Amino acid sequence: MLKKVIIVDEQGFSRICSALLELQGCRAECRSLPVGAMDLHRPDVGLVLTSYPYGERLLAEMGDGELPVLVLADSLSEPLLAALRRVRHACCMVKPVDYERLTSYIRQVLLGETSEWGGYDFV
């Protein structure tokens, strides 16, 4: 069974994203801030999905942990890049979100089919 995706974002987006992921066979759990990084490090969690700047504080807490994080952002900026540099395993997707690409990428992460995580990357 695939691990779960934890979506830490605004309620409206979280519900839409969760429904789309579940249609693709992924398990998703929606959380809102404040949520600490330690609350997310569980054996059944395979990925955290958040947006920037909404999840900026969470990104700062994720740090050197092994849990991959996918960040959705309106645009690239130096503060975003700085936040991504602090996370050991981070990937960023710039909005508008292509939901087919998003769900495909998330499935790849959960199945372990992505390239080696380390530092940050852009999808």
Protein backbone atom coordinates (compact mmCIF):
# COMPACT_ATOMS: atom_id res chain seq x y z
CA MET A 1 0.00 0.00 0.00
CA LEU A 2 1.24 3.49 -0.82
CA LYS A 3 2.21 5.77 2.01
CA LYS A 4 0.04 8.76 2.78
CA VAL A 5 0.39 12.34 1.54
CA ILE A 6 -0.09 14.99 4.20
CA ILE A 7 -1.46 18.21 2.70
CA VAL A 8 -0.74 21.26 4.83
CA ASP A 9 -2.49 24.15 3.13
CA GLU A 10 -5.59 26.28 3.07
CA GLN A 11 -8.78 24.29 3.56
CA GLY A 12 -10.27 24.77 0.06
CA PHE A 13 -7.16 23.71 -1.83
CA SER A 14 -6.47 20.87 0.59
CA ARG A 15 -9.88 19.30 0.02
CA ILE A 16 -9.64 19.58 -3.78
CA CYS A 17 -6.12 18.19 -3.84
CA SER A 18 -7.03 15.38 -1.46
CA ALA A 19 -9.98 14.35 -3.62
CA LEU A 20 -7.83 14.36 -6.77
CA LEU A 21 -5.12 12.28 -5.12
CA GLU A 22 -7.63 9.78 -3.80
CA LEU A 23 -9.09 9.39 -7.32
CA GLN A 24 -5.55 8.39 -8.36
CA GLY A 25 -5.33 5.77 -5.61
CA CYS A 26 -3.28 7.86 -3.17
CA ARG A 27 -4.21 8.24 0.48
CA ALA A 28 -4.25 11.85 1.65
CA GLU A 29 -4.74 13.62 4.96
CA CYS A 30 -5.42 17.35 5.25
CA ARG A 31 -3.86 19.35 8.06
CA SER A 32 -3.90 23.06 8.76
CA LEU A 33 -1.40 25.25 10.50
CA PRO A 34 -0.10 25.18 13.11
CA VAL A 35 1.30 21.70 12.59
CA GLY A 36 4.80 20.78 13.64
CA ALA A 37 7.23 18.79 11.54
CA MET A 38 7.43 16.15 14.26
CA ASP A 39 3.66 15.55 13.88
CA LEU A 40 4.31 14.53 10.26
CA HIS A 41 7.23 12.13 10.74
CA ARG A 42 5.26 8.90 10.93
CA PRO A 43 5.89 5.55 9.20
CA ASP A 44 2.69 5.86 7.13
CA VAL A 45 3.62 9.27 5.65
CA GLY A 46 5.55 9.40 2.37
CA LEU A 47 5.28 13.06 1.37
CA VAL A 48 4.24 16.46 2.68
CA LEU A 49 2.56 18.85 0.26
CA THR A 50 2.36 22.53 1.16
CA SER A 51 2.43 25.92 -0.51
CA TYR A 52 4.65 28.93 -0.12
CA PRO A 53 4.39 31.23 1.75
CA TYR A 54 1.58 29.41 3.63
CA GLY A 55 3.89 26.61 4.80
CA GLU A 56 7.03 28.73 5.29
CA ARG A 57 7.25 28.02 9.01
CA LEU A 58 6.69 24.30 8.45
CA LEU A 59 9.50 24.26 5.86
CA ALA A 60 11.84 25.82 8.40
CA GLU A 61 10.98 23.02 10.83
CA MET A 62 11.38 20.20 8.27
CA GLY A 63 15.13 20.82 8.00
CA ASP A 64 17.34 17.76 7.63
CA GLY A 65 14.55 15.22 8.01
CA GLU A 66 14.16 12.35 5.56
CA LEU A 67 10.54 13.17 4.69
CA PRO A 68 10.17 14.61 1.15
CA VAL A 69 8.30 17.91 0.77
CA LEU A 70 6.59 19.21 -2.36
CA VAL A 71 6.07 22.98 -2.31
CA LEU A 72 3.64 24.81 -4.58
CA ALA A 73 4.50 28.45 -5.20
CA ASP A 74 3.05 31.37 -7.16
CA SER A 75 6.50 32.36 -8.41
CA LEU A 76 10.17 31.88 -7.71
CA SER A 77 11.80 34.30 -5.30
CA GLU A 78 14.93 34.48 -3.20
CA PRO A 79 12.98 33.91 0.06
CA LEU A 80 11.42 30.77 -1.47
CA LEU A 81 14.80 29.49 -2.61
CA ALA A 82 16.21 30.15 0.85
CA ALA A 83 13.34 28.18 2.40
CA LEU A 84 13.93 25.28 -0.02
CA ARG A 85 17.65 25.23 0.79
CA ARG A 86 16.83 24.57 4.45
CA VAL A 87 14.90 21.38 3.61
CA ARG A 88 16.91 18.26 2.91
CA HIS A 89 14.42 16.74 0.44
CA ALA A 90 12.34 19.45 -1.25
CA CYS A 91 10.79 19.88 -4.66
CA CYS A 92 8.93 22.94 -5.95
CA MET A 93 6.17 23.25 -8.53
CA VAL A 94 5.21 26.73 -9.75
CA LYS A 95 1.49 27.51 -10.11
CA PRO A 96 -0.78 27.28 -12.00
CA VAL A 97 -0.79 23.64 -11.02
CA ASP A 98 -1.19 21.01 -13.71
CA TYR A 99 -3.10 18.49 -11.60
CA GLU A 100 -2.26 15.56 -13.88
CA ARG A 101 1.43 16.33 -13.55
CA LEU A 102 1.06 16.92 -9.80
CA THR A 103 -0.66 13.61 -9.13
CA SER A 104 1.75 11.76 -11.43
CA TYR A 105 4.76 13.21 -9.62
CA ILE A 106 3.30 12.43 -6.20
CA ARG A 107 2.69 8.80 -7.21
CA GLN A 108 6.30 8.58 -8.41
CA VAL A 109 7.56 9.85 -5.04
CA LEU A 110 5.34 7.45 -3.10
CA LEU A 111 6.49 4.54 -5.27
CA GLY A 112 10.14 5.54 -4.94
CA GLU A 113 10.47 6.17 -8.68
CA THR A 114 11.82 9.71 -8.53
CA SER A 115 15.44 10.68 -8.87
CA GLU A 116 17.60 10.70 -5.76
CA TRP A 117 16.32 13.25 -3.26
CA GLY A 118 18.81 15.64 -1.81
CA GLY A 119 18.74 19.42 -1.77
CA TYR A 120 15.91 20.91 -3.80
CA ASP A 121 14.59 20.51 -7.31
CA PHE A 122 11.84 21.96 -9.52
CA VAL A 123 9.07 20.05 -11.26
